[in-house]
PDB file of N, CA and C in Angstrom:
ATOM      1  N   MET A   1       0.831  -1.157   0.021  1.00  0.00           N
ATOM      2  CA  MET A   1      -0.007  -0.011  -0.030  1.00  0.00           C
ATOM      3  C   MET A   1       0.903   1.190   0.001  1.00  0.00           C
ATOM      4  N   LYS A   2       0.504   2.196  -0.814  1.00  0.00           N
ATOM      5  CA  LYS A   2       1.352   3.395  -0.934  1.00  0.00           C
ATOM      6  C   LYS A   2       0.410   4.620  -0.670  1.00  0.00           C
ATOM      7  N   ILE A   3       0.757   5.457   0.264  1.00  0.00           N
ATOM      8  CA  ILE A   3       0.023   6.619   0.651  1.00  0.00           C
ATOM      9  C   ILE A   3       0.839   7.820   0.286  1.00  0.00           C
ATOM     10  N   THR A   4       0.364   8.697  -0.654  1.00  0.00           N
ATOM     11  CA  THR A   4       1.073   9.857  -1.115  1.00  0.00           C
ATOM     12  C   THR A   4       0.344  11.085  -0.677  1.00  0.00           C
ATOM     13  N   ILE A   5       1.050  12.104  -0.032  1.00  0.00           N
ATOM     14  CA  ILE A   5       0.462  13.350   0.342  1.00  0.00           C
ATOM     15  C   ILE A   5       1.249  14.436  -0.346  1.00  0.00           C
ATOM     16  N   ASN A   6       0.523  15.203  -1.197  1.00  0.00           N
ATOM     17  CA  ASN A   6       1.160  16.291  -1.954  1.00  0.00           C
ATOM     18  C   ASN A   6       2.424  15.885  -2.792  1.00  0.00           C
ATOM     19  N   THR A   7       2.438  14.704  -3.240  1.00  0.00           N
ATOM     20  CA  THR A   7       3.535  14.087  -4.069  1.00  0.00           C
ATOM     21  C   THR A   7       4.907  14.267  -3.399  1.00  0.00           C
ATOM     22  N   ARG A   8       5.013  14.740  -2.183  1.00  0.00           N
ATOM     23  CA  ARG A   8       6.303  14.811  -1.515  1.00  0.00           C
ATOM     24  C   ARG A   8       6.407  13.750  -0.408  1.00  0.00           C
ATOM     25  N   THR A   9       5.367  13.583   0.359  1.00  0.00           N
ATOM     26  CA  THR A   9       5.446  12.629   1.449  1.00  0.00           C
ATOM     27  C   THR A   9       4.830  11.307   0.983  1.00  0.00           C
ATOM     28  N   VAL A  10       5.590  10.258   1.066  1.00  0.00           N
ATOM     29  CA  VAL A  10       5.162   8.924   0.634  1.00  0.00           C
ATOM     30  C   VAL A  10       5.360   8.001   1.818  1.00  0.00           C
ATOM     31  N   PHE A  11       4.283   7.224   2.115  1.00  0.00           N
ATOM     32  CA  PHE A  11       4.339   6.193   3.087  1.00  0.00           C
ATOM     33  C   PHE A  11       4.134   4.816   2.341  1.00  0.00           C
ATOM     34  N   LEU A  12       5.032   3.889   2.649  1.00  0.00           N
ATOM     35  CA  LEU A  12       4.864   2.583   1.990  1.00  0.00           C
ATOM     36  C   LEU A  12       4.570   1.507   3.171  1.00  0.00           C
ATOM     37  N   PHE A  13       3.579   0.683   2.950  1.00  0.00           N
ATOM     38  CA  PHE A  13       3.255  -0.376   3.868  1.00  0.00           C
ATOM     39  C   PHE A  13       3.169  -1.693   3.065  1.00  0.00           C
ATOM     40  N   PRO A  14       3.715  -2.756   3.620  1.00  0.00           N
ATOM     41  CA  PRO A  14       3.583  -4.060   2.938  1.00  0.00           C
ATOM     42  C   PRO A  14       2.045  -4.440   2.901  1.00  0.00           C
ATOM     43  N   THR A  15       1.583  -4.653   1.704  1.00  0.00           N
ATOM     44  CA  THR A  15       0.099  -4.983   1.537  1.00  0.00           C
ATOM     45  C   THR A  15      -0.238  -6.232   2.295  1.00  0.00           C
ATOM     46  N   GLY A  16       0.691  -7.185   2.398  1.00  0.00           N
ATOM     47  CA  GLY A  16       0.359  -8.434   3.118  1.00  0.00           C
ATOM     48  C   GLY A  16       0.130  -8.152   4.598  1.00  0.00           C
ATOM     49  N   LEU A  17       0.843  -7.224   5.175  1.00  0.00           N
ATOM     50  CA  LEU A  17       0.595  -6.969   6.576  1.00  0.00           C
ATOM     51  C   LEU A  17      -0.762  -6.237   6.910  1.00  0.00           C
ATOM     52  N   ILE A  18      -1.225  -5.515   5.907  1.00  0.00           N
ATOM     53  CA  ILE A  18      -2.426  -4.787   6.041  1.00  0.00           C
ATOM     54  C   ILE A  18      -3.643  -5.623   5.682  1.00  0.00           C
ATOM     55  N   THR A  19      -3.466  -6.414   4.660  1.00  0.00           N
ATOM     56  CA  THR A  19      -4.644  -7.193   4.184  1.00  0.00           C
ATOM     57  C   THR A  19      -4.454  -8.696   4.560  1.00  0.00           C
ATOM     58  N   ASN A  20      -4.850  -9.009   5.734  1.00  0.00           N
ATOM     59  CA  ASN A  20      -4.798 -10.390   6.159  1.00  0.00           C
ATOM     60  C   ASN A  20      -6.019 -10.755   7.064  1.00  0.00           C
ATOM     61  N   ARG A  21      -6.107 -11.959   7.544  1.00  0.00           N
ATOM     62  CA  ARG A  21      -7.317 -12.340   8.368  1.00  0.00           C
ATOM     63  C   ARG A  21      -7.324 -11.636   9.696  1.00  0.00           C
ATOM     64  N   PHE A  22      -6.139 -11.408  10.288  1.00  0.00           N
ATOM     65  CA  PHE A  22      -6.062 -10.716  11.578  1.00  0.00           C
ATOM     66  C   PHE A  22      -6.688  -9.293  11.416  1.00  0.00           C
ATOM     67  N   THR A  23      -6.217  -8.609  10.433  1.00  0.00           N
ATOM     68  CA  THR A  23      -6.713  -7.286  10.144  1.00  0.00           C
ATOM     69  C   THR A  23      -8.206  -7.264   9.843  1.00  0.00           C
ATOM     70  N   ALA A  24      -8.707  -8.337   9.154  1.00  0.00           N
ATOM     71  CA  ALA A  24     -10.139  -8.462   8.844  1.00  0.00           C
ATOM     72  C   ALA A  24     -10.965  -8.531  10.143  1.00  0.00           C
ATOM     73  N   GLY A  25     -10.400  -9.277  11.189  1.00  0.00           N
ATOM     74  CA  GLY A  25     -11.061  -9.362  12.443  1.00  0.00           C
ATOM     75  C   GLY A  25     -11.212  -7.889  13.130  1.00  0.00           C
ATOM     76  N   ILE A  26     -10.087  -7.213  13.099  1.00  0.00           N
ATOM     77  CA  ILE A  26     -10.085  -5.865  13.618  1.00  0.00           C
ATOM     78  C   ILE A  26     -11.050  -4.989  12.964  1.00  0.00           C
ATOM     79  N   ILE A  27     -11.080  -5.052  11.594  1.00  0.00           N
ATOM     80  CA  ILE A  27     -12.020  -4.254  10.825  1.00  0.00           C
ATOM     81  C   ILE A  27     -13.457  -4.524  11.187  1.00  0.00           C
ATOM     82  N   SER A  28     -13.751  -5.873  11.201  1.00  0.00           N
ATOM     83  CA  SER A  28     -15.201  -6.272  11.557  1.00  0.00           C
ATOM     84  C   SER A  28     -15.627  -5.816  12.929  1.00  0.00           C
ATOM     85  N   ARG A  29     -14.649  -5.891  13.917  1.00  0.00           N
ATOM     86  CA  ARG A  29     -15.059  -5.440  15.259  1.00  0.00           C
ATOM     87  C   ARG A  29     -15.268  -3.887  15.312  1.00  0.00           C
ATOM     88  N   ASN A  30     -14.441  -3.169  14.583  1.00  0.00           N
ATOM     89  CA  ASN A  30     -14.637  -1.721  14.512  1.00  0.00           C
ATOM     90  C   ASN A  30     -15.923  -1.360  13.798  1.00  0.00           C
ATOM     91  N   LEU A  31     -16.210  -2.076  12.712  1.00  0.00           N
ATOM     92  CA  LEU A  31     -17.507  -1.788  11.987  1.00  0.00           C
ATOM     93  C   LEU A  31     -18.708  -2.140  12.871  1.00  0.00           C
ATOM     94  N   LYS A  32     -18.545  -3.162  13.683  1.00  0.00           N
ATOM     95  CA  LYS A  32     -19.731  -3.555  14.555  1.00  0.00           C
ATOM     96  C   LYS A  32     -20.009  -2.457  15.567  1.00  0.00           C
ATOM     97  N   LYS A  33     -18.948  -1.729  16.060  1.00  0.00           N
ATOM     98  CA  LYS A  33     -19.124  -0.603  16.917  1.00  0.00           C
ATOM     99  C   LYS A  33     -19.880   0.453  16.254  1.00  0.00           C
ATOM    100  N   GLU A  34     -19.730   0.634  14.934  1.00  0.00           N
ATOM    101  CA  GLU A  34     -20.333   1.716  14.143  1.00  0.00           C
ATOM    102  C   GLU A  34     -21.786   1.272  13.706  1.00  0.00           C
ATOM    103  N   GLY A  35     -22.100   0.049  13.947  1.00  0.00           N
ATOM    104  CA  GLY A  35     -23.496  -0.429  13.570  1.00  0.00           C
ATOM    105  C   GLY A  35     -23.527  -1.167  12.252  1.00  0.00           C
ATOM    106  N   VAL A  36     -22.399  -1.404  11.641  1.00  0.00           N
ATOM    107  CA  VAL A  36     -22.359  -2.204  10.397  1.00  0.00           C
ATOM    108  C   VAL A  36     -22.046  -3.719  10.733  1.00  0.00           C
ATOM    109  N   ARG A  37     -22.881  -4.549  10.288  1.00  0.00           N
ATOM    110  CA  ARG A  37     -22.772  -5.957  10.686  1.00  0.00           C
ATOM    111  C   ARG A  37     -22.051  -6.705   9.519  1.00  0.00           C
ATOM    112  N   LEU A  38     -20.798  -6.913   9.649  1.00  0.00           N
ATOM    113  CA  LEU A  38     -19.958  -7.823   8.754  1.00  0.00           C
ATOM    114  C   LEU A  38     -19.256  -8.754   9.589  1.00  0.00           C
ATOM    115  N   THR A  39     -19.245 -10.046   9.186  1.00  0.00           N
ATOM    116  CA  THR A  39     -18.433 -10.996   9.942  1.00  0.00           C
ATOM    117  C   THR A  39     -16.989 -10.963   9.537  1.00  0.00           C
ATOM    118  N   LYS A  40     -16.217 -11.684  10.278  1.00  0.00           N
ATOM    119  CA  LYS A  40     -14.793 -11.690   9.965  1.00  0.00           C
ATOM    120  C   LYS A  40     -14.603 -12.394   8.575  1.00  0.00           C
ATOM    121  N   LYS A  41     -15.459 -13.425   8.287  1.00  0.00           N
ATOM    122  CA  LYS A  41     -15.363 -14.170   7.000  1.00  0.00           C
ATOM    123  C   LYS A  41     -15.710 -13.219   5.909  1.00  0.00           C
ATOM    124  N   GLN A  42     -16.741 -12.481   6.003  1.00  0.00           N
ATOM    125  CA  GLN A  42     -17.143 -11.531   4.981  1.00  0.00           C
ATOM    126  C   GLN A  42     -16.080 -10.410   4.698  1.00  0.00           C
ATOM    127  N   THR A  43     -15.493  -9.914   5.785  1.00  0.00           N
ATOM    128  CA  THR A  43     -14.422  -8.975   5.662  1.00  0.00           C
ATOM    129  C   THR A  43     -13.206  -9.531   4.978  1.00  0.00           C
ATOM    130  N   SER A  44     -12.858 -10.774   5.374  1.00  0.00           N
ATOM    131  CA  SER A  44     -11.758 -11.414   4.710  1.00  0.00           C
ATOM    132  C   SER A  44     -12.026 -11.625   3.244  1.00  0.00           C
ATOM    133  N   LEU A  45     -13.159 -12.029   2.873  1.00  0.00           N
ATOM    134  CA  LEU A  45     -13.552 -12.167   1.429  1.00  0.00           C
ATOM    135  C   LEU A  45     -13.393 -10.844   0.737  1.00  0.00           C
ATOM    136  N   PHE A  46     -13.893  -9.775   1.370  1.00  0.00           N
ATOM    137  CA  PHE A  46     -13.774  -8.386   0.712  1.00  0.00           C
ATOM    138  C   PHE A  46     -12.246  -8.022   0.470  1.00  0.00           C
ATOM    139  N   ILE A  47     -11.443  -8.241   1.485  1.00  0.00           N
ATOM    140  CA  ILE A  47      -9.976  -7.976   1.324  1.00  0.00           C
ATOM    141  C   ILE A  47      -9.425  -8.814   0.225  1.00  0.00           C
ATOM    142  N   LYS A  48      -9.778 -10.084   0.201  1.00  0.00           N
ATOM    143  CA  LYS A  48      -9.249 -11.038  -0.854  1.00  0.00           C
ATOM    144  C   LYS A  48      -9.699 -10.518  -2.261  1.00  0.00           C
ATOM    145  N   GLU A  49     -10.881  -9.968  -2.431  1.00  0.00           N
ATOM    146  CA  GLU A  49     -11.297  -9.472  -3.696  1.00  0.00           C
ATOM    147  C   GLU A  49     -10.578  -8.179  -4.059  1.00  0.00           C
ATOM    148  N   ILE A  50     -10.273  -7.350  -3.157  1.00  0.00           N
ATOM    149  CA  ILE A  50      -9.412  -6.163  -3.396  1.00  0.00           C
ATOM    150  C   ILE A  50      -8.048  -6.520  -3.905  1.00  0.00           C
ATOM    151  N   ILE A  51      -7.425  -7.545  -3.239  1.00  0.00           N
ATOM    152  CA  ILE A  51      -6.121  -8.002  -3.699  1.00  0.00           C
ATOM    153  C   ILE A  51      -6.203  -8.628  -5.094  1.00  0.00           C
ATOM    154  N   ARG A  52      -7.214  -9.341  -5.358  1.00  0.00           N
ATOM    155  CA  ARG A  52      -7.428  -9.963  -6.731  1.00  0.00           C
ATOM    156  C   ARG A  52      -7.663  -8.886  -7.764  1.00  0.00           C
ATOM    157  N   TYR A  53      -8.358  -7.814  -7.429  1.00  0.00           N
ATOM    158  CA  TYR A  53      -8.607  -6.702  -8.377  1.00  0.00           C
ATOM    159  C   TYR A  53      -7.316  -5.980  -8.620  1.00  0.00           C
ATOM    160  N   LYS A  54      -6.461  -5.849  -7.569  1.00  0.00           N
ATOM    161  CA  LYS A  54      -5.187  -5.151  -7.751  1.00  0.00           C
ATOM    162  C   LYS A  54      -4.310  -5.850  -8.741  1.00  0.00           C
ATOM    163  N   LYS A  55      -4.299  -7.150  -8.716  1.00  0.00           N
ATOM    164  CA  LYS A  55      -3.397  -7.908  -9.659  1.00  0.00           C
ATOM    165  C   LYS A  55      -3.757  -7.521 -11.149  1.00  0.00           C
ATOM    166  N   ASN A  56      -5.002  -7.306 -11.431  1.00  0.00           N
ATOM    167  CA  ASN A  56      -5.431  -7.002 -12.796  1.00  0.00           C
ATOM    168  C   ASN A  56      -5.322  -5.528 -13.138  1.00  0.00           C
ATOM    169  N   HIS A  57      -5.374  -4.677 -12.102  1.00  0.00           N
ATOM    170  CA  HIS A  57      -5.384  -3.191 -12.266  1.00  0.00           C
ATOM    171  C   HIS A  57      -4.358  -2.585 -11.337  1.00  0.00           C
ATOM    172  N   ALA A  58      -3.084  -2.716 -11.695  1.00  0.00           N
ATOM    173  CA  ALA A  58      -1.977  -2.345 -10.827  1.00  0.00           C
ATOM    174  C   ALA A  58      -1.961  -0.846 -10.486  1.00  0.00           C
ATOM    175  N   ASP A  59      -2.455   0.012 -11.285  1.00  0.00           N
ATOM    176  CA  ASP A  59      -2.344   1.468 -11.043  1.00  0.00           C
ATOM    177  C   ASP A  59      -3.658   2.042 -10.517  1.00  0.00           C
ATOM    178  N   TRP A  60      -4.431   1.167  -9.739  1.00  0.00           N
ATOM    179  CA  TRP A  60      -5.767   1.548  -9.219  1.00  0.00           C
ATOM    180  C   TRP A  60      -5.608   2.311  -7.942  1.00  0.00           C
ATOM    181  N   ASN A  61      -6.330   3.471  -7.853  1.00  0.00           N
ATOM    182  CA  ASN A  61      -6.391   4.278  -6.601  1.00  0.00           C
ATOM    183  C   ASN A  61      -7.514   3.834  -5.734  1.00  0.00           C
ATOM    184  N   LEU A  62      -7.200   3.420  -4.500  1.00  0.00           N
ATOM    185  CA  LEU A  62      -8.250   3.064  -3.566  1.00  0.00           C
ATOM    186  C   LEU A  62      -9.015   4.319  -3.099  1.00  0.00           C
ATOM    187  N   VAL A  63      -8.295   5.355  -2.747  1.00  0.00           N
ATOM    188  CA  VAL A  63      -8.857   6.607  -2.315  1.00  0.00           C
ATOM    189  C   VAL A  63      -7.969   7.761  -2.845  1.00  0.00           C
ATOM    190  N   GLU A  64      -8.680   8.790  -3.333  1.00  0.00           N
ATOM    191  CA  GLU A  64      -7.976  10.010  -3.815  1.00  0.00           C
ATOM    192  C   GLU A  64      -8.860  11.166  -3.428  1.00  0.00           C
ATOM    193  N   PHE A  65      -8.340  12.161  -2.676  1.00  0.00           N
ATOM    194  CA  PHE A  65      -9.069  13.298  -2.245  1.00  0.00           C
ATOM    195  C   PHE A  65      -8.196  14.529  -1.993  1.00  0.00           C
ATOM    196  N   GLU A  66      -8.797  15.690  -1.965  1.00  0.00           N
ATOM    197  CA  GLU A  66      -8.156  16.997  -1.730  1.00  0.00           C
ATOM    198  C   GLU A  66      -8.836  17.550  -0.509  1.00  0.00           C
ATOM    199  N   SER A  67      -7.943  17.973   0.466  1.00  0.00           N
ATOM    200  CA  SER A  67      -8.450  18.580   1.686  1.00  0.00           C
ATOM    201  C   SER A  67      -8.843  20.091   1.435  1.00  0.00           C
ATOM    202  N   LYS A  68      -9.419  20.714   2.391  1.00  0.00           N
ATOM    203  CA  LYS A  68      -9.807  22.138   2.298  1.00  0.00           C
ATOM    204  C   LYS A  68      -8.596  23.057   2.005  1.00  0.00           C
ATOM    205  N   ASN A  69      -7.458  22.679   2.707  1.00  0.00           N
ATOM    206  CA  ASN A  69      -6.303  23.555   2.557  1.00  0.00           C
ATOM    207  C   ASN A  69      -5.460  23.178   1.322  1.00  0.00           C
ATOM    208  N   GLY A  70      -5.950  22.302   0.480  1.00  0.00           N
ATOM    209  CA  GLY A  70      -5.282  22.011  -0.777  1.00  0.00           C
ATOM    210  C   GLY A  70      -4.264  20.857  -0.766  1.00  0.00           C
ATOM    211  N   ASP A  71      -4.255  20.107   0.319  1.00  0.00           N
ATOM    212  CA  ASP A  71      -3.427  18.896   0.357  1.00  0.00           C
ATOM    213  C   ASP A  71      -4.157  17.767  -0.433  1.00  0.00           C
ATOM    214  N   MET A  72      -3.329  17.181  -1.317  1.00  0.00           N
ATOM    215  CA  MET A  72      -3.857  16.075  -2.091  1.00  0.00           C
ATOM    216  C   MET A  72      -3.387  14.761  -1.498  1.00  0.00           C
ATOM    217  N   VAL A  73      -4.287  13.832  -1.310  1.00  0.00           N
ATOM    218  CA  VAL A  73      -3.959  12.568  -0.617  1.00  0.00           C
ATOM    219  C   VAL A  73      -4.395  11.431  -1.568  1.00  0.00           C
ATOM    220  N   GLU A  74      -3.512  10.470  -1.821  1.00  0.00           N
ATOM    221  CA  GLU A  74      -3.792   9.357  -2.749  1.00  0.00           C
ATOM    222  C   GLU A  74      -3.363   8.093  -2.117  1.00  0.00           C
ATOM    223  N   VAL A  75      -4.263   7.108  -2.064  1.00  0.00           N
ATOM    224  CA  VAL A  75      -3.924   5.769  -1.516  1.00  0.00           C
ATOM    225  C   VAL A  75      -4.030   4.747  -2.558  1.00  0.00           C
ATOM    226  N   LYS A  76      -2.957   4.026  -2.843  1.00  0.00           N
ATOM    227  CA  LYS A  76      -2.916   2.954  -3.838  1.00  0.00           C
ATOM    228  C   LYS A  76      -2.630   1.647  -3.046  1.00  0.00           C
ATOM    229  N   ILE A  77      -3.253   0.638  -3.527  1.00  0.00           N
ATOM    230  CA  ILE A  77      -2.934  -0.689  -2.972  1.00  0.00           C
ATOM    231  C   ILE A  77      -1.907  -1.382  -3.804  1.00  0.00           C
TER     232      ILE A  77
END
């Protein structure tokens, strides 16, 4: 995963550390607190599909937005 802020600051995270079953459990517990009912299995399947999509579309942006003060943030998997 690559997070770019204003094309100067770049953070790199190993995708395997972020997209795994342990993380899926954390995500599902946090979503449950917000009122969204997803099981760990459903969340794992969603993460698996994101990884599969990434293999076919390597230059895909997961999130891209601009803040009020003009900072541009881009997240690629």
